[in-house]
Amino acid sequence: MQKGTVAQSVESLILPVLEDLRLELVDIEYRREGKGWVLRIFIDKEGGIAVEDCTRVSHQVGDLIDIDDVIPNAYCLEVSSPGLDRPLKTEQDFIKYKDRHVQLNTFAPIDTRRNFKGTIKDFRDGVLFLDAQGVSFEIALENIAKAKLEIEI
């Protein structure tokens, strides 16, 4: 998750609301796009997100953010699902999606590689166990720069 000051403030403000709605916070993005600022909140739940979930969160969270004045300038709020190629960021994400196919990049190379496609075999003690085309890799969570589910059709 992007850990800028605004993203951190928004996260701490909205987590109780999302927990009450039984929704999971996947990610928050706050960045300048074009001539304005965009705050994107990605949510998920078991069985997937519906438009009604996004609308409910947008109204409740938008009001909270405005009341607490955590964003100093005008912004556009977007609330959506993380999509089929959902990012994986936490230990819980990797455990939840065990046996699924992922794409990931590492900060530091492992056996001269930084890009991997493979299947999550396990995750324990801060280490991802990945099977990439029959070759096993152990990748520390802190070495994972970016990971996302592969779309399976």
C-alpha atoms as a PDB file:
ATOM      1  CA  MET A   1       0.000   0.000   0.000  1.00  0.00           C
ATOM      2  CA  GLN A   2       1.280   3.460  -0.807  1.00  0.00           C
ATOM      3  CA  LYS A   3       2.333   4.943   2.533  1.00  0.00           C
ATOM      4  CA  GLY A   4       2.291   8.674   1.906  1.00  0.00           C
ATOM      5  CA  THR A   5       0.875  10.888   4.603  1.00  0.00           C
ATOM      6  CA  VAL A   6      -2.532  11.246   2.928  1.00  0.00           C
ATOM      7  CA  ALA A   7      -2.850   7.507   2.224  1.00  0.00           C
ATOM      8  CA  GLN A   8      -1.943   6.681   5.838  1.00  0.00           C
ATOM      9  CA  SER A   9      -4.441   9.204   7.198  1.00  0.00           C
ATOM     10  CA  VAL A  10      -7.204   7.931   4.924  1.00  0.00           C
ATOM     11  CA  GLU A  11      -6.430   4.313   5.824  1.00  0.00           C
ATOM     12  CA  SER A  12      -6.662   4.876   9.575  1.00  0.00           C
ATOM     13  CA  LEU A  13      -9.852   6.888   9.103  1.00  0.00           C
ATOM     14  CA  ILE A  14     -11.720   4.395   6.892  1.00  0.00           C
ATOM     15  CA  LEU A  15     -10.666   1.011   8.316  1.00  0.00           C
ATOM     16  CA  PRO A  16     -13.370   1.011  11.032  1.00  0.00           C
ATOM     17  CA  VAL A  17     -16.049   1.794   8.425  1.00  0.00           C
ATOM     18  CA  LEU A  18     -14.868  -1.008   6.156  1.00  0.00           C
ATOM     19  CA  GLU A  19     -14.706  -3.459   9.050  1.00  0.00           C
ATOM     20  CA  ASP A  20     -18.289  -2.575  10.017  1.00  0.00           C
ATOM     21  CA  LEU A  21     -19.353  -3.274   6.429  1.00  0.00           C
ATOM     22  CA  ARG A  22     -17.337  -6.532   6.450  1.00  0.00           C
ATOM     23  CA  LEU A  23     -15.147  -5.285   3.619  1.00  0.00           C
ATOM     24  CA  GLU A  24     -11.411  -5.659   3.161  1.00  0.00           C
ATOM     25  CA  LEU A  25      -9.161  -2.743   2.270  1.00  0.00           C
ATOM     26  CA  VAL A  26      -6.889  -3.928  -0.547  1.00  0.00           C
ATOM     27  CA  ASP A  27      -5.090  -0.718  -1.466  1.00  0.00           C
ATOM     28  CA  ILE A  28      -5.193   3.076  -1.448  1.00  0.00           C
ATOM     29  CA  GLU A  29      -3.702   5.290  -4.141  1.00  0.00           C
ATOM     30  CA  TYR A  30      -3.473   9.058  -3.883  1.00  0.00           C
ATOM     31  CA  ARG A  31      -1.814  10.798  -6.779  1.00  0.00           C
ATOM     32  CA  ARG A  32      -1.916  13.645  -9.194  1.00  0.00           C
ATOM     33  CA  GLU A  33      -3.419  12.766 -12.565  1.00  0.00           C
ATOM     34  CA  GLY A  34      -3.809  15.347 -15.269  1.00  0.00           C
ATOM     35  CA  LYS A  35      -4.792  18.607 -13.642  1.00  0.00           C
ATOM     36  CA  GLY A  36      -6.202  17.145 -10.431  1.00  0.00           C
ATOM     37  CA  TRP A  37      -5.766  14.690  -7.582  1.00  0.00           C
ATOM     38  CA  VAL A  38      -7.339  11.221  -7.416  1.00  0.00           C
ATOM     39  CA  LEU A  39      -7.936   9.108  -4.323  1.00  0.00           C
ATOM     40  CA  ARG A  40      -8.571   5.456  -5.241  1.00  0.00           C
ATOM     41  CA  ILE A  41      -9.754   3.005  -2.646  1.00  0.00           C
ATOM     42  CA  PHE A  42      -9.767  -0.665  -3.603  1.00  0.00           C
ATOM     43  CA  ILE A  43     -12.042  -2.924  -1.550  1.00  0.00           C
ATOM     44  CA  ASP A  44     -12.926  -6.595  -1.613  1.00  0.00           C
ATOM     45  CA  LYS A  45     -15.030  -9.189   0.177  1.00  0.00           C
ATOM     46  CA  GLU A  46     -15.723 -12.880  -0.038  1.00  0.00           C
ATOM     47  CA  GLY A  47     -17.747 -13.465  -3.189  1.00  0.00           C
ATOM     48  CA  GLY A  48     -16.645 -10.191  -4.793  1.00  0.00           C
ATOM     49  CA  ILE A  49     -17.664  -6.554  -4.773  1.00  0.00           C
ATOM     50  CA  ALA A  50     -20.888  -5.160  -6.226  1.00  0.00           C
ATOM     51  CA  VAL A  51     -21.578  -1.629  -7.430  1.00  0.00           C
ATOM     52  CA  GLU A  52     -23.733  -1.109  -4.331  1.00  0.00           C
ATOM     53  CA  ASP A  53     -20.712  -1.829  -2.091  1.00  0.00           C
ATOM     54  CA  CYS A  54     -18.644   0.794  -3.902  1.00  0.00           C
ATOM     55  CA  THR A  55     -21.453   3.337  -3.727  1.00  0.00           C
ATOM     56  CA  ARG A  56     -22.003   2.770   0.010  1.00  0.00           C
ATOM     57  CA  VAL A  57     -18.290   3.080   0.770  1.00  0.00           C
ATOM     58  CA  SER A  58     -17.932   6.139  -1.454  1.00  0.00           C
ATOM     59  CA  HIS A  59     -20.686   7.995   0.418  1.00  0.00           C
ATOM     60  CA  GLN A  60     -19.601   7.012   3.925  1.00  0.00           C
ATOM     61  CA  VAL A  61     -15.874   7.394   3.380  1.00  0.00           C
ATOM     62  CA  GLY A  62     -16.168  10.572   1.310  1.00  0.00           C
ATOM     63  CA  ASP A  63     -18.103  12.249   4.105  1.00  0.00           C
ATOM     64  CA  LEU A  64     -15.563  11.134   6.735  1.00  0.00           C
ATOM     65  CA  ILE A  65     -12.611  12.373   4.703  1.00  0.00           C
ATOM     66  CA  ASP A  66     -14.281  15.731   4.129  1.00  0.00           C
ATOM     67  CA  ILE A  67     -15.303  16.144   7.784  1.00  0.00           C
ATOM     68  CA  ASP A  68     -11.814  15.265   9.080  1.00  0.00           C
ATOM     69  CA  ASP A  69     -10.212  17.363   6.331  1.00  0.00           C
ATOM     70  CA  VAL A  70      -7.378  14.853   5.763  1.00  0.00           C
ATOM     71  CA  ILE A  71      -6.919  15.860   2.124  1.00  0.00           C
ATOM     72  CA  PRO A  72      -5.725  19.451   1.740  1.00  0.00           C
ATOM     73  CA  ASN A  73      -6.894  20.010  -1.843  1.00  0.00           C
ATOM     74  CA  ALA A  74      -9.728  19.124  -4.223  1.00  0.00           C
ATOM     75  CA  TYR A  75      -9.734  15.476  -5.295  1.00  0.00           C
ATOM     76  CA  CYS A  76     -11.791  12.877  -7.114  1.00  0.00           C
ATOM     77  CA  LEU A  77     -12.773   9.823  -5.029  1.00  0.00           C
ATOM     78  CA  GLU A  78     -12.942   6.453  -6.771  1.00  0.00           C
ATOM     79  CA  VAL A  79     -13.947   3.244  -4.991  1.00  0.00           C
ATOM     80  CA  SER A  80     -13.650  -0.058  -6.826  1.00  0.00           C
ATOM     81  CA  SER A  81     -12.791  -3.726  -6.619  1.00  0.00           C
ATOM     82  CA  PRO A  82      -9.150  -4.708  -7.116  1.00  0.00           C
ATOM     83  CA  GLY A  83     -10.064  -6.606 -10.284  1.00  0.00           C
ATOM     84  CA  LEU A  84      -9.279 -10.131 -11.397  1.00  0.00           C
ATOM     85  CA  ASP A  85      -5.551  -9.404 -11.305  1.00  0.00           C
ATOM     86  CA  ARG A  86      -5.751  -8.316  -7.677  1.00  0.00           C
ATOM     87  CA  PRO A  87      -2.510  -7.094  -6.099  1.00  0.00           C
ATOM     88  CA  LEU A  88      -1.060  -9.203  -3.299  1.00  0.00           C
ATOM     89  CA  LYS A  89       0.659  -7.206  -0.590  1.00  0.00           C
ATOM     90  CA  THR A  90       0.356  -8.878   2.784  1.00  0.00           C
ATOM     91  CA  GLU A  91       1.077 -12.254   4.311  1.00  0.00           C
ATOM     92  CA  GLN A  92      -2.692 -12.822   4.549  1.00  0.00           C
ATOM     93  CA  ASP A  93      -3.057 -12.172   0.793  1.00  0.00           C
ATOM     94  CA  PHE A  94      -0.513 -14.852  -0.097  1.00  0.00           C
ATOM     95  CA  ILE A  95      -2.046 -17.356   2.335  1.00  0.00           C
ATOM     96  CA  LYS A  96      -5.569 -16.652   1.055  1.00  0.00           C
ATOM     97  CA  TYR A  97      -4.545 -17.232  -2.564  1.00  0.00           C
ATOM     98  CA  LYS A  98      -2.470 -20.366  -2.023  1.00  0.00           C
ATOM     99  CA  ASP A  99      -2.380 -22.574  -5.160  1.00  0.00           C
ATOM    100  CA  ARG A 100      -3.206 -19.600  -7.409  1.00  0.00           C
ATOM    101  CA  HIS A 101      -1.002 -18.333 -10.234  1.00  0.00           C
ATOM    102  CA  VAL A 102       0.816 -15.044  -9.682  1.00  0.00           C
ATOM    103  CA  GLN A 103       3.173 -12.648 -11.395  1.00  0.00           C
ATOM    104  CA  LEU A 104       5.693 -10.887  -9.230  1.00  0.00           C
ATOM    105  CA  ASN A 105       8.759  -8.686  -9.320  1.00  0.00           C
ATOM    106  CA  THR A 106      11.444  -8.523  -6.675  1.00  0.00           C
ATOM    107  CA  PHE A 107      13.572  -5.623  -5.496  1.00  0.00           C
ATOM    108  CA  ALA A 108      16.743  -7.732  -5.477  1.00  0.00           C
ATOM    109  CA  PRO A 109      17.448 -10.533  -7.956  1.00  0.00           C
ATOM    110  CA  ILE A 110      17.090 -14.179  -7.012  1.00  0.00           C
ATOM    111  CA  ASP A 111      19.297 -16.405  -9.165  1.00  0.00           C
ATOM    112  CA  THR A 112      19.689 -13.423 -11.545  1.00  0.00           C
ATOM    113  CA  ARG A 113      15.897 -13.104 -11.923  1.00  0.00           C
ATOM    114  CA  ARG A 114      13.607 -10.321 -10.796  1.00  0.00           C
ATOM    115  CA  ASN A 115      10.441 -11.343 -12.681  1.00  0.00           C
ATOM    116  CA  PHE A 116       8.538 -14.493 -11.797  1.00  0.00           C
ATOM    117  CA  LYS A 117       5.371 -16.272 -12.891  1.00  0.00           C
ATOM    118  CA  GLY A 118       4.320 -19.218 -10.845  1.00  0.00           C
ATOM    119  CA  THR A 119       2.036 -20.860  -8.315  1.00  0.00           C
ATOM    120  CA  ILE A 120       1.875 -19.969  -4.636  1.00  0.00           C
ATOM    121  CA  LYS A 121       2.756 -23.168  -2.785  1.00  0.00           C
ATOM    122  CA  ASP A 122       2.959 -21.768   0.724  1.00  0.00           C
ATOM    123  CA  PHE A 123       3.691 -18.702   2.800  1.00  0.00           C
ATOM    124  CA  ARG A 124       5.178 -18.905   6.267  1.00  0.00           C
ATOM    125  CA  ASP A 125       7.556 -16.956   8.479  1.00  0.00           C
ATOM    126  CA  GLY A 126       7.614 -14.026   6.046  1.00  0.00           C
ATOM    127  CA  VAL A 127       8.634 -16.175   3.079  1.00  0.00           C
ATOM    128  CA  LEU A 128       6.701 -16.992  -0.095  1.00  0.00           C
ATOM    129  CA  PHE A 129       7.255 -20.459  -1.532  1.00  0.00           C
ATOM    130  CA  LEU A 130       6.711 -20.195  -5.279  1.00  0.00           C
ATOM    131  CA  ASP A 131       6.756 -22.870  -7.984  1.00  0.00           C
ATOM    132  CA  ALA A 132       7.787 -21.183 -11.240  1.00  0.00           C
ATOM    133  CA  GLN A 133       7.588 -23.686 -14.099  1.00  0.00           C
ATOM    134  CA  GLY A 134       8.845 -26.545 -11.923  1.00  0.00           C
ATOM    135  CA  VAL A 135      11.560 -24.545 -10.162  1.00  0.00           C
ATOM    136  CA  SER A 136      11.022 -23.714  -6.489  1.00  0.00           C
ATOM    137  CA  PHE A 137      11.855 -20.287  -5.115  1.00  0.00           C
ATOM    138  CA  GLU A 138      11.758 -18.880  -1.603  1.00  0.00           C
ATOM    139  CA  ILE A 139      11.112 -15.148  -1.692  1.00  0.00           C
ATOM    140  CA  ALA A 140      11.061 -12.953   1.408  1.00  0.00           C
ATOM    141  CA  LEU A 141       8.027 -10.676   1.630  1.00  0.00           C
ATOM    142  CA  GLU A 142      10.246  -7.607   2.006  1.00  0.00           C
ATOM    143  CA  ASN A 143      11.896  -8.479  -1.338  1.00  0.00           C
ATOM    144  CA  ILE A 144       8.573  -8.508  -3.221  1.00  0.00           C
ATOM    145  CA  ALA A 145       8.222  -5.202  -5.078  1.00  0.00           C
ATOM    146  CA  LYS A 146       4.941  -6.043  -6.784  1.00  0.00           C
ATOM    147  CA  ALA A 147       2.746  -9.136  -6.942  1.00  0.00           C
ATOM    148  CA  LYS A 148      -0.613  -9.761  -8.539  1.00  0.00           C
ATOM    149  CA  LEU A 149      -2.868 -12.672  -9.345  1.00  0.00           C
ATOM    150  CA  GLU A 150      -2.819 -13.913 -12.906  1.00  0.00           C
ATOM    151  CA  ILE A 151      -6.203 -13.813 -14.588  1.00  0.00           C
ATOM    152  CA  GLU A 152      -7.486 -17.355 -14.933  1.00  0.00           C
ATOM    153  CA  ILE A 153     -10.133 -18.021 -17.520  1.00  0.00           C
END
